[in-house]
Amino acid sequence: MKGHAQKGTIAIEFALILPVLVLLLFGIVEFSLLLFNKQILTNASREGARYGIVGGTDIVAKVNEYCDGNLITFGSGTVVVTPAANVPAEGYLTVTVTFPYDFLVLANLGFGQVTLTAKTVMKLE
């Protein structure tokens, strides 16, 4: 008799702790994706700045090409690149890339949209 009661207790404890463990797992996955996308934006801004300082004219297309091939997204967010045009002739070129990141599961728990931003400054050659 004692064994049956103990098995029922274990099942109830597991049922109580399972949602917490699943939420923790989803949180780890969600924040890992957020950090991965932040790194992709940093690399995209670096690629765009490098492209711009060596004479490239369409920085936005270069950054969008990099982001389209590497970002992991679940929404319809678009990448915004600054400057969109007019690369200065001398001095420094600053490329800023922003992207609205939408959480997949954690959005239902109050985590709304987060704006990821990456900025790269390079000296014109």
PDB file of N, CA and C in Angstrom:
ATOM      1  N   MET A   1       0.806  -1.188   0.000  1.00  0.00           N
ATOM      2  CA  MET A   1       0.000   0.000   0.000  1.00  0.00           C
ATOM      3  C   MET A   1       0.855   1.259   0.000  1.00  0.00           C
ATOM      4  N   LYS A   2       1.933   1.196   0.724  1.00  0.00           N
ATOM      5  CA  LYS A   2       2.789   2.368   0.842  1.00  0.00           C
ATOM      6  C   LYS A   2       3.426   2.728  -0.505  1.00  0.00           C
ATOM      7  N   GLY A   3       3.764   1.739  -1.325  1.00  0.00           N
ATOM      8  CA  GLY A   3       4.388   1.978  -2.623  1.00  0.00           C
ATOM      9  C   GLY A   3       3.466   2.694  -3.590  1.00  0.00           C
ATOM     10  N   HIS A   4       2.171   2.367  -3.571  1.00  0.00           N
ATOM     11  CA  HIS A   4       1.213   3.019  -4.465  1.00  0.00           C
ATOM     12  C   HIS A   4       1.044   4.492  -4.113  1.00  0.00           C
ATOM     13  N   ALA A   5       1.001   4.809  -2.851  1.00  0.00           N
ATOM     14  CA  ALA A   5       0.853   6.203  -2.419  1.00  0.00           C
ATOM     15  C   ALA A   5       2.082   7.015  -2.805  1.00  0.00           C
ATOM     16  N   GLN A   6       3.230   6.402  -2.697  1.00  0.00           N
ATOM     17  CA  GLN A   6       4.462   7.102  -3.043  1.00  0.00           C
ATOM     18  C   GLN A   6       4.534   7.361  -4.550  1.00  0.00           C
ATOM     19  N   LYS A   7       4.081   6.412  -5.364  1.00  0.00           N
ATOM     20  CA  LYS A   7       4.074   6.602  -6.815  1.00  0.00           C
ATOM     21  C   LYS A   7       3.138   7.738  -7.208  1.00  0.00           C
ATOM     22  N   GLY A   8       2.004   7.832  -6.541  1.00  0.00           N
ATOM     23  CA  GLY A   8       1.075   8.919  -6.826  1.00  0.00           C
ATOM     24  C   GLY A   8       1.651  10.268  -6.441  1.00  0.00           C
ATOM     25  N   THR A   9       2.376  10.321  -5.352  1.00  0.00           N
ATOM     26  CA  THR A   9       3.017  11.563  -4.911  1.00  0.00           C
ATOM     27  C   THR A   9       4.071  12.005  -5.910  1.00  0.00           C
ATOM     28  N   ILE A  10       4.834  11.066  -6.407  1.00  0.00           N
ATOM     29  CA  ILE A  10       5.868  11.394  -7.393  1.00  0.00           C
ATOM     30  C   ILE A  10       5.234  11.934  -8.666  1.00  0.00           C
ATOM     31  N   ALA A  11       4.126  11.349  -9.096  1.00  0.00           N
ATOM     32  CA  ALA A  11       3.445  11.820 -10.304  1.00  0.00           C
ATOM     33  C   ALA A  11       2.912  13.236 -10.117  1.00  0.00           C
ATOM     34  N   ILE A  12       2.365  13.521  -8.958  1.00  0.00           N
ATOM     35  CA  ILE A  12       1.852  14.868  -8.689  1.00  0.00           C
ATOM     36  C   ILE A  12       2.993  15.876  -8.634  1.00  0.00           C
ATOM     37  N   GLU A  13       4.083  15.528  -7.975  1.00  0.00           N
ATOM     38  CA  GLU A  13       5.237  16.430  -7.914  1.00  0.00           C
ATOM     39  C   GLU A  13       5.795  16.692  -9.309  1.00  0.00           C
ATOM     40  N   PHE A  14       5.855  15.654 -10.128  1.00  0.00           N
ATOM     41  CA  PHE A  14       6.343  15.822 -11.497  1.00  0.00           C
ATOM     42  C   PHE A  14       5.409  16.727 -12.295  1.00  0.00           C
ATOM     43  N   ALA A  15       4.099  16.550 -12.118  1.00  0.00           N
ATOM     44  CA  ALA A  15       3.129  17.392 -12.822  1.00  0.00           C
ATOM     45  C   ALA A  15       3.243  18.850 -12.390  1.00  0.00           C
ATOM     46  N   LEU A  16       3.624  19.096 -11.159  1.00  0.00           N
ATOM     47  CA  LEU A  16       3.777  20.470 -10.683  1.00  0.00           C
ATOM     48  C   LEU A  16       5.066  21.116 -11.177  1.00  0.00           C
ATOM     49  N   ILE A  17       6.130  20.346 -11.284  1.00  0.00           N
ATOM     50  CA  ILE A  17       7.427  20.912 -11.650  1.00  0.00           C
ATOM     51  C   ILE A  17       7.643  20.949 -13.162  1.00  0.00           C
ATOM     52  N   LEU A  18       6.919  20.119 -13.924  1.00  0.00           N
ATOM     53  CA  LEU A  18       7.111  20.050 -15.372  1.00  0.00           C
ATOM     54  C   LEU A  18       6.896  21.392 -16.080  1.00  0.00           C
ATOM     55  N   PRO A  19       5.825  22.149 -15.798  1.00  0.00           N
ATOM     56  CA  PRO A  19       5.668  23.446 -16.475  1.00  0.00           C
ATOM     57  C   PRO A  19       6.829  24.404 -16.209  1.00  0.00           C
ATOM     58  N   VAL A  20       7.362  24.372 -15.015  1.00  0.00           N
ATOM     59  CA  VAL A  20       8.500  25.239 -14.685  1.00  0.00           C
ATOM     60  C   VAL A  20       9.724  24.832 -15.496  1.00  0.00           C
ATOM     61  N   LEU A  21       9.962  23.543 -15.609  1.00  0.00           N
ATOM     62  CA  LEU A  21      11.109  23.063 -16.388  1.00  0.00           C
ATOM     63  C   LEU A  21      10.955  23.373 -17.874  1.00  0.00           C
ATOM     64  N   VAL A  22       9.742  23.216 -18.402  1.00  0.00           N
ATOM     65  CA  VAL A  22       9.497  23.531 -19.815  1.00  0.00           C
ATOM     66  C   VAL A  22       9.683  25.021 -20.057  1.00  0.00           C
ATOM     67  N   LEU A  23       9.179  25.853 -19.158  1.00  0.00           N
ATOM     68  CA  LEU A  23       9.349  27.298 -19.287  1.00  0.00           C
ATOM     69  C   LEU A  23      10.824  27.682 -19.231  1.00  0.00           C
ATOM     70  N   LEU A  24      11.571  27.055 -18.359  1.00  0.00           N
ATOM     71  CA  LEU A  24      13.009  27.300 -18.275  1.00  0.00           C
ATOM     72  C   LEU A  24      13.702  26.904 -19.573  1.00  0.00           C
ATOM     73  N   LEU A  25      13.329  25.776 -20.131  1.00  0.00           N
ATOM     74  CA  LEU A  25      13.907  25.324 -21.396  1.00  0.00           C
ATOM     75  C   LEU A  25      13.598  26.305 -22.523  1.00  0.00           C
ATOM     76  N   PHE A  26      12.336  26.737 -22.630  1.00  0.00           N
ATOM     77  CA  PHE A  26      11.972  27.709 -23.657  1.00  0.00           C
ATOM     78  C   PHE A  26      12.700  29.033 -23.446  1.00  0.00           C
ATOM     79  N   GLY A  27      12.872  29.445 -22.200  1.00  0.00           N
ATOM     80  CA  GLY A  27      13.610  30.675 -21.921  1.00  0.00           C
ATOM     81  C   GLY A  27      15.048  30.592 -22.388  1.00  0.00           C
ATOM     82  N   ILE A  28      15.680  29.465 -22.153  1.00  0.00           N
ATOM     83  CA  ILE A  28      17.063  29.279 -22.605  1.00  0.00           C
ATOM     84  C   ILE A  28      17.137  29.348 -24.125  1.00  0.00           C
ATOM     85  N   VAL A  29      16.210  28.679 -24.804  1.00  0.00           N
ATOM     86  CA  VAL A  29      16.205  28.681 -26.271  1.00  0.00           C
ATOM     87  C   VAL A  29      15.937  30.082 -26.807  1.00  0.00           C
ATOM     88  N   GLU A  30      14.951  30.770 -26.239  1.00  0.00           N
ATOM     89  CA  GLU A  30      14.598  32.113 -26.715  1.00  0.00           C
ATOM     90  C   GLU A  30      15.760  33.096 -26.554  1.00  0.00           C
ATOM     91  N   PHE A  31      16.388  33.109 -25.399  1.00  0.00           N
ATOM     92  CA  PHE A  31      17.476  34.052 -25.186  1.00  0.00           C
ATOM     93  C   PHE A  31      18.721  33.665 -25.972  1.00  0.00           C
ATOM     94  N   SER A  32      18.896  32.383 -26.249  1.00  0.00           N
ATOM     95  CA  SER A  32      19.995  31.962 -27.123  1.00  0.00           C
ATOM     96  C   SER A  32      19.776  32.483 -28.537  1.00  0.00           C
ATOM     97  N   LEU A  33      18.544  32.407 -29.027  1.00  0.00           N
ATOM     98  CA  LEU A  33      18.235  32.947 -30.353  1.00  0.00           C
ATOM     99  C   LEU A  33      18.420  34.458 -30.389  1.00  0.00           C
ATOM    100  N   LEU A  34      18.024  35.133 -29.313  1.00  0.00           N
ATOM    101  CA  LEU A  34      18.205  36.580 -29.242  1.00  0.00           C
ATOM    102  C   LEU A  34      19.685  36.942 -29.330  1.00  0.00           C
ATOM    103  N   LEU A  35      20.524  36.254 -28.572  1.00  0.00           N
ATOM    104  CA  LEU A  35      21.963  36.533 -28.603  1.00  0.00           C
ATOM    105  C   LEU A  35      22.576  36.164 -29.952  1.00  0.00           C
ATOM    106  N   PHE A  36      22.110  35.085 -30.561  1.00  0.00           N
ATOM    107  CA  PHE A  36      22.590  34.706 -31.883  1.00  0.00           C
ATOM    108  C   PHE A  36      22.262  35.797 -32.900  1.00  0.00           C
ATOM    109  N   ASN A  37      21.016  36.286 -32.879  1.00  0.00           N
ATOM    110  CA  ASN A  37      20.622  37.341 -33.817  1.00  0.00           C
ATOM    111  C   ASN A  37      21.373  38.639 -33.556  1.00  0.00           C
ATOM    112  N   LYS A  38      21.673  38.932 -32.310  1.00  0.00           N
ATOM    113  CA  LYS A  38      22.473  40.123 -31.994  1.00  0.00           C
ATOM    114  C   LYS A  38      23.857  40.002 -32.615  1.00  0.00           C
ATOM    115  N   GLN A  39      24.446  38.821 -32.541  1.00  0.00           N
ATOM    116  CA  GLN A  39      25.759  38.601 -33.147  1.00  0.00           C
ATOM    117  C   GLN A  39      25.691  38.724 -34.669  1.00  0.00           C
ATOM    118  N   ILE A  40      24.628  38.239 -35.273  1.00  0.00           N
ATOM    119  CA  ILE A  40      24.453  38.364 -36.724  1.00  0.00           C
ATOM    120  C   ILE A  40      24.351  39.837 -37.109  1.00  0.00           C
ATOM    121  N   LEU A  41      23.619  40.630 -36.345  1.00  0.00           N
ATOM    122  CA  LEU A  41      23.511  42.063 -36.643  1.00  0.00           C
ATOM    123  C   LEU A  41      24.855  42.758 -36.492  1.00  0.00           C
ATOM    124  N   THR A  42      25.629  42.373 -35.491  1.00  0.00           N
ATOM    125  CA  THR A  42      26.965  42.947 -35.319  1.00  0.00           C
ATOM    126  C   THR A  42      27.841  42.624 -36.522  1.00  0.00           C
ATOM    127  N   ASN A  43      27.805  41.386 -36.966  1.00  0.00           N
ATOM    128  CA  ASN A  43      28.581  41.005 -38.148  1.00  0.00           C
ATOM    129  C   ASN A  43      28.079  41.710 -39.398  1.00  0.00           C
ATOM    130  N   ALA A  44      26.765  41.875 -39.521  1.00  0.00           N
ATOM    131  CA  ALA A  44      26.201  42.562 -40.685  1.00  0.00           C
ATOM    132  C   ALA A  44      26.628  44.024 -40.716  1.00  0.00           C
ATOM    133  N   SER A  45      26.636  44.690 -39.566  1.00  0.00           N
ATOM    134  CA  SER A  45      27.078  46.090 -39.544  1.00  0.00           C
ATOM    135  C   SER A  45      28.558  46.190 -39.879  1.00  0.00           C
ATOM    136  N   ARG A  46      29.338  45.227 -39.420  1.00  0.00           N
ATOM    137  CA  ARG A  46      30.767  45.201 -39.744  1.00  0.00           C
ATOM    138  C   ARG A  46      30.979  44.974 -41.245  1.00  0.00           C
ATOM    139  N   GLU A  47      30.227  44.039 -41.819  1.00  0.00           N
ATOM    140  CA  GLU A  47      30.324  43.781 -43.264  1.00  0.00           C
ATOM    141  C   GLU A  47      29.919  45.017 -44.063  1.00  0.00           C
ATOM    142  N   GLY A  48      28.848  45.679 -43.638  1.00  0.00           N
ATOM    143  CA  GLY A  48      28.397  46.883 -44.335  1.00  0.00           C
ATOM    144  C   GLY A  48      29.402  48.011 -44.242  1.00  0.00           C
ATOM    145  N   ALA A  49      29.993  48.195 -43.070  1.00  0.00           N
ATOM    146  CA  ALA A  49      31.000  49.250 -42.907  1.00  0.00           C
ATOM    147  C   ALA A  49      32.233  48.945 -43.746  1.00  0.00           C
ATOM    148  N   ARG A  50      32.659  47.711 -43.732  1.00  0.00           N
ATOM    149  CA  ARG A  50      33.836  47.325 -44.533  1.00  0.00           C
ATOM    150  C   ARG A  50      33.556  47.533 -46.019  1.00  0.00           C
ATOM    151  N   TYR A  51      32.365  47.158 -46.453  1.00  0.00           N
ATOM    152  CA  TYR A  51      31.972  47.337 -47.849  1.00  0.00           C
ATOM    153  C   TYR A  51      31.947  48.823 -48.209  1.00  0.00           C
ATOM    154  N   GLY A  52      31.468  49.656 -47.290  1.00  0.00           N
ATOM    155  CA  GLY A  52      31.375  51.089 -47.563  1.00  0.00           C
ATOM    156  C   GLY A  52      32.718  51.790 -47.604  1.00  0.00           C
ATOM    157  N   ILE A  53      33.676  51.384 -46.762  1.00  0.00           N
ATOM    158  CA  ILE A  53      34.953  52.106 -46.730  1.00  0.00           C
ATOM    159  C   ILE A  53      35.874  51.731 -47.880  1.00  0.00           C
ATOM    160  N   VAL A  54      35.617  50.609 -48.536  1.00  0.00           N
ATOM    161  CA  VAL A  54      36.463  50.241 -49.678  1.00  0.00           C
ATOM    162  C   VAL A  54      35.818  50.618 -51.003  1.00  0.00           C
ATOM    163  N   GLY A  55      34.793  51.434 -50.954  1.00  0.00           N
ATOM    164  CA  GLY A  55      34.220  51.970 -52.180  1.00  0.00           C
ATOM    165  C   GLY A  55      32.866  51.427 -52.563  1.00  0.00           C
ATOM    166  N   GLY A  56      32.295  50.568 -51.765  1.00  0.00           N
ATOM    167  CA  GLY A  56      30.961  50.054 -52.069  1.00  0.00           C
ATOM    168  C   GLY A  56      29.918  51.142 -51.931  1.00  0.00           C
ATOM    169  N   THR A  57      28.923  51.103 -52.784  1.00  0.00           N
ATOM    170  CA  THR A  57      27.930  52.176 -52.774  1.00  0.00           C
ATOM    171  C   THR A  57      26.600  51.769 -52.148  1.00  0.00           C
ATOM    172  N   ASP A  58      26.238  50.512 -52.223  1.00  0.00           N
ATOM    173  CA  ASP A  58      24.940  50.088 -51.704  1.00  0.00           C
ATOM    174  C   ASP A  58      25.117  49.285 -50.414  1.00  0.00           C
ATOM    175  N   ILE A  59      25.352  50.012 -49.324  1.00  0.00           N
ATOM    176  CA  ILE A  59      25.588  49.385 -48.024  1.00  0.00           C
ATOM    177  C   ILE A  59      24.344  48.649 -47.542  1.00  0.00           C
ATOM    178  N   VAL A  60      23.182  49.231 -47.788  1.00  0.00           N
ATOM    179  CA  VAL A  60      21.931  48.632 -47.326  1.00  0.00           C
ATOM    180  C   VAL A  60      21.734  47.251 -47.949  1.00  0.00           C
ATOM    181  N   ALA A  61      21.995  47.136 -49.241  1.00  0.00           N
ATOM    182  CA  ALA A  61      21.838  45.838 -49.914  1.00  0.00           C
ATOM    183  C   ALA A  61      22.812  44.810 -49.352  1.00  0.00           C
ATOM    184  N   LYS A  62      24.031  45.237 -49.066  1.00  0.00           N
ATOM    185  CA  LYS A  62      25.037  44.325 -48.516  1.00  0.00           C
ATOM    186  C   LYS A  62      24.611  43.822 -47.134  1.00  0.00           C
ATOM    187  N   VAL A  63      24.144  44.731 -46.292  1.00  0.00           N
ATOM    188  CA  VAL A  63      23.714  44.354 -44.949  1.00  0.00           C
ATOM    189  C   VAL A  63      22.475  43.456 -45.014  1.00  0.00           C
ATOM    190  N   ASN A  64      21.517  43.821 -45.863  1.00  0.00           N
ATOM    191  CA  ASN A  64      20.308  43.002 -45.995  1.00  0.00           C
ATOM    192  C   ASN A  64      20.621  41.613 -46.533  1.00  0.00           C
ATOM    193  N   GLU A  65      21.559  41.529 -47.450  1.00  0.00           N
ATOM    194  CA  GLU A  65      21.971  40.229 -47.989  1.00  0.00           C
ATOM    195  C   GLU A  65      22.545  39.349 -46.877  1.00  0.00           C
ATOM    196  N   TYR A  66      23.381  39.946 -46.042  1.00  0.00           N
ATOM    197  CA  TYR A  66      23.974  39.194 -44.928  1.00  0.00           C
ATOM    198  C   TYR A  66      22.902  38.757 -43.929  1.00  0.00           C
ATOM    199  N   CYS A  67      22.007  39.676 -43.601  1.00  0.00           N
ATOM    200  CA  CYS A  67      20.958  39.365 -42.623  1.00  0.00           C
ATOM    201  C   CYS A  67      19.967  38.335 -43.159  1.00  0.00           C
ATOM    202  N   ASP A  68      19.599  38.455 -44.422  1.00  0.00           N
ATOM    203  CA  ASP A  68      18.648  37.504 -45.003  1.00  0.00           C
ATOM    204  C   ASP A  68      19.182  36.080 -44.970  1.00  0.00           C
ATOM    205  N   GLY A  69      20.476  35.939 -45.126  1.00  0.00           N
ATOM    206  CA  GLY A  69      21.064  34.612 -45.136  1.00  0.00           C
ATOM    207  C   GLY A  69      21.354  34.035 -43.768  1.00  0.00           C
ATOM    208  N   ASN A  70      21.322  34.861 -42.720  1.00  0.00           N
ATOM    209  CA  ASN A  70      21.782  34.380 -41.415  1.00  0.00           C
ATOM    210  C   ASN A  70      20.829  34.578 -40.241  1.00  0.00           C
ATOM    211  N   LEU A  71      19.954  35.572 -40.289  1.00  0.00           N
ATOM    212  CA  LEU A  71      19.059  35.821 -39.152  1.00  0.00           C
ATOM    213  C   LEU A  71      18.045  34.697 -38.993  1.00  0.00           C
ATOM    214  N   ILE A  72      17.762  34.348 -37.757  1.00  0.00           N
ATOM    215  CA  ILE A  72      16.699  33.394 -37.443  1.00  0.00           C
ATOM    216  C   ILE A  72      15.546  34.208 -36.877  1.00  0.00           C
ATOM    217  N   THR A  73      14.469  34.312 -37.652  1.00  0.00           N
ATOM    218  CA  THR A  73      13.349  35.148 -37.233  1.00  0.00           C
ATOM    219  C   THR A  73      12.057  34.356 -37.290  1.00  0.00           C
ATOM    220  N   PHE A  74      11.081  34.826 -36.521  1.00  0.00           N
ATOM    221  CA  PHE A  74       9.762  34.207 -36.516  1.00  0.00           C
ATOM    222  C   PHE A  74       8.688  35.222 -36.859  1.00  0.00           C
ATOM    223  N   GLY A  75       9.074  36.452 -37.097  1.00  0.00           N
ATOM    224  CA  GLY A  75       8.115  37.495 -37.401  1.00  0.00           C
ATOM    225  C   GLY A  75       8.399  38.097 -38.758  1.00  0.00           C
ATOM    226  N   SER A  76       7.869  39.272 -38.947  1.00  0.00           N
ATOM    227  CA  SER A  76       8.052  39.955 -40.223  1.00  0.00           C
ATOM    228  C   SER A  76       8.877  41.218 -40.037  1.00  0.00           C
ATOM    229  N   GLY A  77       9.801  41.208 -39.111  1.00  0.00           N
ATOM    230  CA  GLY A  77      10.637  42.377 -38.867  1.00  0.00           C
ATOM    231  C   GLY A  77      11.568  42.647 -40.032  1.00  0.00           C
ATOM    232  N   THR A  78      11.858  43.906 -40.250  1.00  0.00           N
ATOM    233  CA  THR A  78      12.780  44.273 -41.316  1.00  0.00           C
ATOM    234  C   THR A  78      14.006  44.927 -40.708  1.00  0.00           C
ATOM    235  N   VAL A  79      15.119  44.760 -41.367  1.00  0.00           N
ATOM    236  CA  VAL A  79      16.381  45.335 -40.919  1.00  0.00           C
ATOM    237  C   VAL A  79      16.440  46.782 -41.388  1.00  0.00           C
ATOM    238  N   VAL A  80      16.799  47.687 -40.491  1.00  0.00           N
ATOM    239  CA  VAL A  80      16.961  49.101 -40.830  1.00  0.00           C
ATOM    240  C   VAL A  80      18.442  49.428 -40.743  1.00  0.00           C
ATOM    241  N   VAL A  81      18.974  50.022 -41.820  1.00  0.00           N
ATOM    242  CA  VAL A  81      20.399  50.326 -41.898  1.00  0.00           C
ATOM    243  C   VAL A  81      20.580  51.832 -42.020  1.00  0.00           C
ATOM    244  N   THR A  82      21.513  52.383 -41.251  1.00  0.00           N
ATOM    245  CA  THR A  82      21.876  53.793 -41.339  1.00  0.00           C
ATOM    246  C   THR A  82      23.378  53.868 -41.554  1.00  0.00           C
ATOM    247  N   PRO A  83      23.938  54.558 -42.495  1.00  0.00           N
ATOM    248  CA  PRO A  83      23.291  55.441 -43.458  1.00  0.00           C
ATOM    249  C   PRO A  83      22.720  54.654 -44.629  1.00  0.00           C
ATOM    250  N   ALA A  84      21.619  55.143 -45.155  1.00  0.00           N
ATOM    251  CA  ALA A  84      21.004  54.490 -46.309  1.00  0.00           C
ATOM    252  C   ALA A  84      21.733  54.866 -47.590  1.00  0.00           C
ATOM    253  N   ALA A  85      22.387  56.005 -47.595  1.00  0.00           N
ATOM    254  CA  ALA A  85      23.117  56.475 -48.783  1.00  0.00           C
ATOM    255  C   ALA A  85      24.134  57.520 -48.337  1.00  0.00           C
ATOM    256  N   ASN A  86      24.799  58.141 -49.292  1.00  0.00           N
ATOM    257  CA  ASN A  86      25.734  59.244 -49.052  1.00  0.00           C
ATOM    258  C   ASN A  86      26.881  58.864 -48.117  1.00  0.00           C
ATOM    259  N   VAL A  87      27.739  57.992 -48.585  1.00  0.00           N
ATOM    260  CA  VAL A  87      28.942  57.645 -47.841  1.00  0.00           C
ATOM    261  C   VAL A  87      29.873  58.847 -47.893  1.00  0.00           C
ATOM    262  N   PRO A  88      30.374  59.318 -46.757  1.00  0.00           N
ATOM    263  CA  PRO A  88      31.264  60.482 -46.776  1.00  0.00           C
ATOM    264  C   PRO A  88      32.562  60.180 -47.525  1.00  0.00           C
ATOM    265  N   ALA A  89      33.186  61.229 -48.051  1.00  0.00           N
ATOM    266  CA  ALA A  89      34.415  61.062 -48.838  1.00  0.00           C
ATOM    267  C   ALA A  89      35.619  60.787 -47.949  1.00  0.00           C
ATOM    268  N   GLU A  90      35.613  61.298 -46.742  1.00  0.00           N
ATOM    269  CA  GLU A  90      36.725  61.064 -45.817  1.00  0.00           C
ATOM    270  C   GLU A  90      36.204  61.070 -44.394  1.00  0.00           C
ATOM    271  N   GLY A  91      37.057  60.643 -43.491  1.00  0.00           N
ATOM    272  CA  GLY A  91      36.655  60.598 -42.091  1.00  0.00           C
ATOM    273  C   GLY A  91      36.247  59.200 -41.683  1.00  0.00           C
ATOM    274  N   TYR A  92      35.119  59.108 -41.015  1.00  0.00           N
ATOM    275  CA  TYR A  92      34.655  57.828 -40.483  1.00  0.00           C
ATOM    276  C   TYR A  92      33.275  57.493 -41.031  1.00  0.00           C
ATOM    277  N   LEU A  93      33.064  56.226 -41.239  1.00  0.00           N
ATOM    278  CA  LEU A  93      31.760  55.734 -41.675  1.00  0.00           C
ATOM    279  C   LEU A  93      31.146  54.958 -40.513  1.00  0.00           C
ATOM    280  N   THR A  94      29.936  55.334 -40.153  1.00  0.00           N
ATOM    281  CA  THR A  94      29.209  54.646 -39.094  1.00  0.00           C
ATOM    282  C   THR A  94      28.024  53.917 -39.708  1.00  0.00           C
ATOM    283  N   VAL A  95      27.956  52.629 -39.462  1.00  0.00           N
ATOM    284  CA  VAL A  95      26.828  51.823 -39.937  1.00  0.00           C
ATOM    285  C   VAL A  95      26.089  51.299 -38.712  1.00  0.00           C
ATOM    286  N   THR A  96      24.818  51.633 -38.633  1.00  0.00           N
ATOM    287  CA  THR A  96      23.969  51.174 -37.538  1.00  0.00           C
ATOM    288  C   THR A  96      22.873  50.289 -38.114  1.00  0.00           C
ATOM    289  N   VAL A  97      22.726  49.117 -37.536  1.00  0.00           N
ATOM    290  CA  VAL A  97      21.714  48.161 -37.986  1.00  0.00           C
ATOM    291  C   VAL A  97      20.771  47.894 -36.819  1.00  0.00           C
ATOM    292  N   THR A  98      19.479  48.053 -37.052  1.00  0.00           N
ATOM    293  CA  THR A  98      18.488  47.761 -36.017  1.00  0.00           C
ATOM    294  C   THR A  98      17.497  46.730 -36.544  1.00  0.00           C
ATOM    295  N   PHE A  99      17.006  45.922 -35.627  1.00  0.00           N
ATOM    296  CA  PHE A  99      16.061  44.867 -35.995  1.00  0.00           C
ATOM    297  C   PHE A  99      15.119  44.616 -34.826  1.00  0.00           C
ATOM    298  N   PRO A 100      13.805  44.629 -35.072  1.00  0.00           N
ATOM    299  CA  PRO A 100      12.855  44.315 -33.998  1.00  0.00           C
ATOM    300  C   PRO A 100      12.738  42.802 -33.825  1.00  0.00           C
ATOM    301  N   TYR A 101      13.138  42.306 -32.662  1.00  0.00           N
ATOM    302  CA  TYR A 101      13.098  40.870 -32.396  1.00  0.00           C
ATOM    303  C   TYR A 101      11.838  40.538 -31.613  1.00  0.00           C
ATOM    304  N   ASP A 102      11.059  39.621 -32.129  1.00  0.00           N
ATOM    305  CA  ASP A 102       9.847  39.155 -31.453  1.00  0.00           C
ATOM    306  C   ASP A 102      10.115  37.801 -30.816  1.00  0.00           C
ATOM    307  N   PHE A 103       9.796  37.692 -29.535  1.00  0.00           N
ATOM    308  CA  PHE A 103       9.921  36.403 -28.866  1.00  0.00           C
ATOM    309  C   PHE A 103       8.847  35.459 -29.391  1.00  0.00           C
ATOM    310  N   LEU A 104       9.161  34.193 -29.426  1.00  0.00           N
ATOM    311  CA  LEU A 104       8.227  33.206 -29.957  1.00  0.00           C
ATOM    312  C   LEU A 104       7.254  32.729 -28.874  1.00  0.00           C
ATOM    313  N   VAL A 105       7.757  32.183 -27.809  1.00  0.00           N
ATOM    314  CA  VAL A 105       6.912  31.640 -26.744  1.00  0.00           C
ATOM    315  C   VAL A 105       6.784  32.625 -25.588  1.00  0.00           C
ATOM    316  N   LEU A 106       7.872  33.283 -25.246  1.00  0.00           N
ATOM    317  CA  LEU A 106       7.863  34.179 -24.084  1.00  0.00           C
ATOM    318  C   LEU A 106       7.050  35.445 -24.311  1.00  0.00           C
ATOM    319  N   ALA A 107       6.617  35.697 -25.545  1.00  0.00           N
ATOM    320  CA  ALA A 107       5.761  36.854 -25.804  1.00  0.00           C
ATOM    321  C   ALA A 107       4.442  36.723 -25.052  1.00  0.00           C
ATOM    322  N   ASN A 108       3.993  35.504 -24.841  1.00  0.00           N
ATOM    323  CA  ASN A 108       2.746  35.274 -24.104  1.00  0.00           C
ATOM    324  C   ASN A 108       2.892  35.531 -22.608  1.00  0.00           C
ATOM    325  N   LEU A 109       4.121  35.680 -22.143  1.00  0.00           N
ATOM    326  CA  LEU A 109       4.361  35.904 -20.718  1.00  0.00           C
ATOM    327  C   LEU A 109       4.773  37.339 -20.414  1.00  0.00           C
ATOM    328  N   GLY A 110       4.535  38.240 -21.355  1.00  0.00           N
ATOM    329  CA  GLY A 110       4.832  39.639 -21.111  1.00  0.00           C
ATOM    330  C   GLY A 110       6.121  40.135 -21.725  1.00  0.00           C
ATOM    331  N   PHE A 111       6.893  39.255 -22.338  1.00  0.00           N
ATOM    332  CA  PHE A 111       8.095  39.697 -23.033  1.00  0.00           C
ATOM    333  C   PHE A 111       7.666  40.160 -24.415  1.00  0.00           C
ATOM    334  N   GLY A 112       7.690  41.448 -24.625  1.00  0.00           N
ATOM    335  CA  GLY A 112       7.261  41.985 -25.909  1.00  0.00           C
ATOM    336  C   GLY A 112       8.394  42.003 -26.912  1.00  0.00           C
ATOM    337  N   GLN A 113       8.337  42.968 -27.759  1.00  0.00           N
ATOM    338  CA  GLN A 113       9.344  43.112 -28.798  1.00  0.00           C
ATOM    339  C   GLN A 113      10.584  43.805 -28.240  1.00  0.00           C
ATOM    340  N   VAL A 114      11.747  43.331 -28.656  1.00  0.00           N
ATOM    341  CA  VAL A 114      13.018  43.916 -28.251  1.00  0.00           C
ATOM    342  C   VAL A 114      13.705  44.425 -29.511  1.00  0.00           C
ATOM    343  N   THR A 115      14.221  45.637 -29.464  1.00  0.00           N
ATOM    344  CA  THR A 115      14.945  46.173 -30.609  1.00  0.00           C
ATOM    345  C   THR A 115      16.427  45.895 -30.426  1.00  0.00           C
ATOM    346  N   LEU A 116      16.966  45.096 -31.331  1.00  0.00           N
ATOM    347  CA  LEU A 116      18.396  44.793 -31.321  1.00  0.00           C
ATOM    348  C   LEU A 116      19.110  45.821 -32.183  1.00  0.00           C
ATOM    349  N   THR A 117      20.227  46.338 -31.697  1.00  0.00           N
ATOM    350  CA  THR A 117      20.983  47.353 -32.418  1.00  0.00           C
ATOM    351  C   THR A 117      22.455  46.985 -32.431  1.00  0.00           C
ATOM    352  N   ALA A 118      23.070  47.172 -33.587  1.00  0.00           N
ATOM    353  CA  ALA A 118      24.513  46.961 -33.726  1.00  0.00           C
ATOM    354  C   ALA A 118      25.087  48.159 -34.467  1.00  0.00           C
ATOM    355  N   LYS A 119      26.240  48.621 -34.019  1.00  0.00           N
ATOM    356  CA  LYS A 119      26.851  49.816 -34.600  1.00  0.00           C
ATOM    357  C   LYS A 119      28.331  49.553 -34.827  1.00  0.00           C
ATOM    358  N   THR A 120      28.798  49.910 -36.019  1.00  0.00           N
ATOM    359  CA  THR A 120      30.210  49.760 -36.359  1.00  0.00           C
ATOM    360  C   THR A 120      30.718  51.075 -36.926  1.00  0.00           C
ATOM    361  N   VAL A 121      31.876  51.504 -36.460  1.00  0.00           N
ATOM    362  CA  VAL A 121      32.525  52.717 -36.962  1.00  0.00           C
ATOM    363  C   VAL A 121      33.875  52.315 -37.535  1.00  0.00           C
ATOM    364  N   MET A 122      34.115  52.710 -38.801  1.00  0.00           N
ATOM    365  CA  MET A 122      35.399  52.420 -39.447  1.00  0.00           C
ATOM    366  C   MET A 122      35.911  53.669 -40.148  1.00  0.00           C
ATOM    367  N   LYS A 123      37.225  53.790 -40.176  1.00  0.00           N
ATOM    368  CA  LYS A 123      37.868  54.918 -40.851  1.00  0.00           C
ATOM    369  C   LYS A 123      37.891  54.647 -42.343  1.00  0.00           C
ATOM    370  N   LEU A 124      37.528  55.670 -43.118  1.00  0.00           N
ATOM    371  CA  LEU A 124      37.538  55.539 -44.575  1.00  0.00           C
ATOM    372  C   LEU A 124      38.966  55.445 -45.081  1.00  0.00           C
ATOM    373  N   GLU A 125      39.185  54.532 -46.022  1.00  0.00           N
ATOM    374  CA  GLU A 125      40.534  54.325 -46.563  1.00  0.00           C
ATOM    375  C   GLU A 125      40.703  55.040 -47.883  1.00  0.00           C
TER     376      GLU A 125
END
